[in-house]
């Protein structure tokens, strides 16, 4: 049986912020492989480097040294335009702070990745509405984000990340604002996405209620991955 294709490969990855005595070393030599078809969770104390790592994987943050390949592409060799193209085509990012545009409706927020990829407005909004419905927000696409609860805004953010069917999805605390039932519904959907051919998920979380949905759990501490635990056979 052939080995799964590697979606993400990091070797000796480092990242620091600031200079001199104020410098903070966020990553101190991270090695990580994530194959397609896997849901990997990153856990560990606040400030250990989890969000920095997924930001580098999503090409929204540059690393200092080491190597990071995403879908076979060396991020250090891509210019800003090429990284933007990679994000538009192949990466979905769920931000902890949602990052929704308040002047747009929920459906318009979800449709943004499709519009950036050249999909017509009517088709993009129709697909956005379908994805919102799959997340329990049917009929809410016309409202503004500020009219929704925190949990509903989180689901809009997840819909936006899923709508263009990215091969890699990275999520920062996707269930932090959700009750247990809604969080389970979301994680079942994300796990289904992970198991589809050609997709991989990396989820940063402190929510131990959702650990059961992971294939592997990587524990981080002080900028390093210190253990790897297989959870789902």
Protein backbone atom coordinates (compact mmCIF):
# COMPACT_ATOMS: atom_id res chain seq x y z
CA UNK A 1 0.00 0.00 0.00
CA UNK A 2 1.42 3.40 -1.01
CA UNK A 3 2.30 5.90 1.68
CA UNK A 4 -0.04 8.94 1.88
CA UNK A 5 1.22 12.02 0.09
CA UNK A 6 2.75 14.55 2.47
CA UNK A 7 0.79 17.81 2.53
CA UNK A 8 3.07 19.67 4.97
CA UNK A 9 6.73 19.04 5.75
CA UNK A 10 8.67 21.20 8.23
CA UNK A 11 12.31 20.69 9.17
CA UNK A 12 14.20 22.71 11.78
CA UNK A 13 11.66 25.53 11.57
CA UNK A 14 12.49 28.63 13.62
CA UNK A 15 10.80 31.96 14.17
CA UNK A 16 11.61 34.87 16.49
CA UNK A 17 9.91 38.18 17.21
CA UNK A 18 11.70 41.33 18.34
CA UNK A 19 15.42 41.93 18.79
CA UNK A 20 18.06 41.89 21.48
CA UNK A 21 16.93 41.31 25.05
CA UNK A 22 13.29 41.71 23.98
CA UNK A 23 13.51 38.92 21.41
CA UNK A 24 11.00 36.09 21.80
CA UNK A 25 11.82 32.74 20.18
CA UNK A 26 8.42 31.41 19.11
CA UNK A 27 9.69 28.33 17.26
CA UNK A 28 12.94 26.56 18.13
CA UNK A 29 13.42 23.92 15.45
CA UNK A 30 10.08 22.29 14.60
CA UNK A 31 9.99 19.05 12.59
CA UNK A 32 6.55 18.03 11.36
CA UNK A 33 4.99 15.93 8.60
CA UNK A 34 1.25 16.01 7.90
CA UNK A 35 -0.07 13.66 5.19
CA UNK A 36 -3.13 14.32 3.09
CA UNK A 37 -6.21 12.74 4.62
CA UNK A 38 -5.20 13.50 8.22
CA UNK A 39 -6.63 15.68 10.96
CA UNK A 40 -3.76 16.80 13.22
CA UNK A 41 -4.31 18.79 16.40
CA UNK A 42 -1.68 21.03 17.96
CA UNK A 43 -2.01 21.41 21.73
CA UNK A 44 0.05 22.98 24.49
CA UNK A 45 0.14 26.05 26.75
CA UNK A 46 -0.54 29.54 25.46
CA UNK A 47 2.56 31.11 23.94
CA UNK A 48 4.22 27.80 23.01
CA UNK A 49 4.24 28.54 19.26
CA UNK A 50 1.10 26.81 17.98
CA UNK A 51 -0.45 29.80 16.21
CA UNK A 52 2.94 30.87 14.87
CA UNK A 53 3.41 27.42 13.35
CA UNK A 54 0.05 27.33 11.56
CA UNK A 55 0.54 30.92 10.37
CA UNK A 56 3.78 29.87 8.69
CA UNK A 57 2.13 26.77 7.20
CA UNK A 58 -0.63 29.01 5.81
CA UNK A 59 2.03 31.32 4.34
CA UNK A 60 0.74 34.39 6.20
CA UNK A 61 3.96 34.57 8.24
CA UNK A 62 7.56 34.00 7.11
CA UNK A 63 9.89 31.70 9.05
CA UNK A 64 13.46 32.66 9.96
CA UNK A 65 15.28 29.41 9.18
CA UNK A 66 14.66 25.77 8.42
CA UNK A 67 12.40 24.44 5.68
CA UNK A 68 8.64 24.45 5.22
CA UNK A 69 7.07 22.76 2.19
CA UNK A 70 3.34 22.93 1.55
CA UNK A 71 1.95 20.66 -1.18
CA UNK A 72 5.49 20.23 -2.47
CA UNK A 73 6.22 23.95 -2.64
CA UNK A 74 9.09 25.46 -0.64
CA UNK A 75 7.55 28.53 1.00
CA UNK A 76 10.92 30.28 1.23
CA UNK A 77 11.17 30.24 -2.57
CA UNK A 78 7.74 31.79 -3.19
CA UNK A 79 7.28 35.52 -3.64
CA UNK A 80 4.32 37.42 -2.17
CA UNK A 81 2.18 36.95 -5.28
CA UNK A 82 2.87 33.21 -5.41
CA UNK A 83 2.02 32.84 -1.71
CA UNK A 84 -1.25 34.71 -2.25
CA UNK A 85 -2.06 32.36 -5.14
CA UNK A 86 -1.31 29.35 -2.93
CA UNK A 87 -3.64 30.64 -0.22
CA UNK A 88 -6.44 31.41 -2.68
CA UNK A 89 -6.29 27.99 -4.31
CA UNK A 90 -5.20 25.51 -1.66
CA UNK A 91 -5.38 26.87 1.91
CA UNK A 92 -8.29 27.73 4.17
CA UNK A 93 -7.59 29.56 7.45
CA UNK A 94 -10.01 29.85 10.38
CA UNK A 95 -8.84 32.70 12.62
CA UNK A 96 -9.57 32.71 16.34
CA UNK A 97 -10.78 36.33 16.04
CA UNK A 98 -13.04 35.41 13.06
CA UNK A 99 -11.75 38.35 10.90
CA UNK A 100 -15.14 38.81 9.25
CA UNK A 101 -15.85 42.00 7.28
CA UNK A 102 -18.64 43.81 9.19
CA UNK A 103 -19.96 45.71 6.15
CA UNK A 104 -20.64 42.47 4.23
CA UNK A 105 -23.40 39.97 4.82
CA UNK A 106 -22.50 36.55 6.18
CA UNK A 107 -22.94 34.99 2.72
CA UNK A 108 -20.79 37.69 1.15
CA UNK A 109 -18.07 37.04 3.74
CA UNK A 110 -18.15 33.33 2.92
CA UNK A 111 -18.11 34.01 -0.82
CA UNK A 112 -14.92 36.13 -0.72
CA UNK A 113 -12.48 33.25 -1.50
CA UNK A 114 -14.61 32.22 -4.50
CA UNK A 115 -14.79 35.78 -5.80
CA UNK A 116 -11.01 36.10 -5.48
CA UNK A 117 -10.70 32.93 -7.57
CA UNK A 118 -12.84 34.38 -10.34
CA UNK A 119 -16.17 32.68 -9.60
CA UNK A 120 -19.20 34.74 -10.63
CA UNK A 121 -21.03 36.58 -7.86
CA UNK A 122 -24.34 34.69 -8.20
CA UNK A 123 -22.64 31.28 -8.21
CA UNK A 124 -20.35 32.28 -5.34
CA UNK A 125 -23.24 33.46 -3.15
CA UNK A 126 -25.28 30.34 -3.91
CA UNK A 127 -22.39 28.08 -2.85
CA UNK A 128 -21.79 30.25 0.23
CA UNK A 129 -25.43 29.75 1.26
CA UNK A 130 -25.10 25.96 0.84
CA UNK A 131 -22.00 25.81 3.03
CA UNK A 132 -23.65 28.01 5.66
CA UNK A 133 -26.65 25.67 5.68
CA UNK A 134 -24.36 22.67 6.22
CA UNK A 135 -23.10 24.42 9.36
CA UNK A 136 -26.55 25.09 10.74
CA UNK A 137 -26.84 28.67 9.48
CA UNK A 138 -29.42 28.18 6.75
CA UNK A 139 -31.35 31.40 6.13
CA UNK A 140 -28.81 33.53 8.02
CA UNK A 141 -26.64 34.46 5.03
CA UNK A 142 -28.28 37.85 4.49
CA UNK A 143 -27.51 39.20 7.96
CA UNK A 144 -24.39 41.08 9.03
CA UNK A 145 -21.81 39.36 11.27
CA UNK A 146 -22.50 41.80 14.11
CA UNK A 147 -26.08 40.50 14.25
CA UNK A 148 -24.83 36.98 15.06
CA UNK A 149 -23.62 35.41 18.28
CA UNK A 150 -19.94 34.62 18.73
CA UNK A 151 -20.57 30.96 17.97
CA UNK A 152 -22.48 31.82 14.80
CA UNK A 153 -19.70 34.16 13.67
CA UNK A 154 -17.22 31.32 14.22
CA UNK A 155 -19.27 29.07 11.94
CA UNK A 156 -19.35 31.78 9.27
CA UNK A 157 -15.56 31.94 9.51
CA UNK A 158 -15.36 28.16 9.11
CA UNK A 159 -17.69 28.29 6.10
CA UNK A 160 -15.45 30.92 4.49
CA UNK A 161 -12.44 28.66 4.97
CA UNK A 162 -14.23 25.64 3.48
CA UNK A 163 -16.09 27.22 0.58
CA UNK A 164 -13.28 27.00 -2.01
CA UNK A 165 -12.54 23.37 -1.06
CA UNK A 166 -8.90 23.89 -0.05
CA UNK A 167 -6.49 20.95 0.11
CA UNK A 168 -5.17 22.24 3.46
CA UNK A 169 -7.27 23.76 6.24
CA UNK A 170 -5.68 25.35 9.31
CA UNK A 171 -7.85 26.38 12.26
CA UNK A 172 -7.04 28.42 15.36
CA UNK A 173 -9.38 27.39 18.20
CA UNK A 174 -12.41 26.67 15.96
CA UNK A 175 -14.62 25.45 18.84
CA UNK A 176 -13.64 28.05 21.46
CA UNK A 177 -16.93 29.95 21.14
CA UNK A 178 -19.19 26.93 20.58
CA UNK A 179 -21.25 24.84 22.96
CA UNK A 180 -20.51 21.11 23.08
CA UNK A 181 -23.27 20.06 20.66
CA UNK A 182 -22.38 22.68 18.06
CA UNK A 183 -18.69 21.95 18.49
CA UNK A 184 -19.31 18.25 17.87
CA UNK A 185 -21.31 19.05 14.73
CA UNK A 186 -18.50 21.24 13.45
CA UNK A 187 -15.80 18.68 14.23
CA UNK A 188 -17.72 15.89 12.51
CA UNK A 189 -17.86 18.08 9.41
CA UNK A 190 -14.16 18.94 9.64
CA UNK A 191 -13.25 15.29 10.13
CA UNK A 192 -15.29 14.37 7.06
CA UNK A 193 -13.36 17.02 5.14
CA UNK A 194 -10.06 15.58 6.37
CA UNK A 195 -10.94 12.10 5.18
CA UNK A 196 -11.79 13.21 1.68
CA UNK A 197 -9.12 12.51 -0.88
CA UNK A 198 -6.46 15.20 -1.11
CA UNK A 199 -7.13 17.22 2.05
CA UNK A 200 -5.38 17.74 5.39
CA UNK A 201 -6.38 19.68 8.52
CA UNK A 202 -4.23 21.23 11.25
CA UNK A 203 -6.19 22.49 14.26
CA UNK A 204 -4.84 24.48 17.20
CA UNK A 205 -7.00 23.86 20.26
CA UNK A 206 -7.22 23.91 24.04
CA UNK A 207 -10.60 22.14 23.89
CA UNK A 208 -10.07 18.59 25.15
CA UNK A 209 -13.70 17.74 24.25
CA UNK A 210 -12.69 17.49 20.59
CA UNK A 211 -9.47 15.46 20.95
CA UNK A 212 -11.42 12.34 19.92
CA UNK A 213 -11.69 13.67 16.36
CA UNK A 214 -7.93 13.83 15.81
CA UNK A 215 -5.82 11.27 13.96
CA UNK A 216 -2.77 12.56 15.85
CA UNK A 217 -2.19 15.11 18.57
CA UNK A 218 1.11 17.00 18.61
CA UNK A 219 1.96 18.59 21.95
CA UNK A 220 4.06 21.75 21.80
CA UNK A 221 6.06 23.44 24.53
CA UNK A 222 8.54 26.31 24.37
CA UNK A 223 8.57 26.42 20.57
CA UNK A 224 9.06 22.70 20.00
CA UNK A 225 6.94 19.64 19.36
CA UNK A 226 7.65 17.47 22.40
CA UNK A 227 5.34 14.51 21.75
CA UNK A 228 3.09 12.97 19.11
CA UNK A 229 0.09 10.86 20.07
CA UNK A 230 -1.95 8.76 17.60
CA UNK A 231 -5.63 8.90 18.54
CA UNK A 232 -7.83 7.53 15.74
CA UNK A 233 -7.05 4.20 14.04
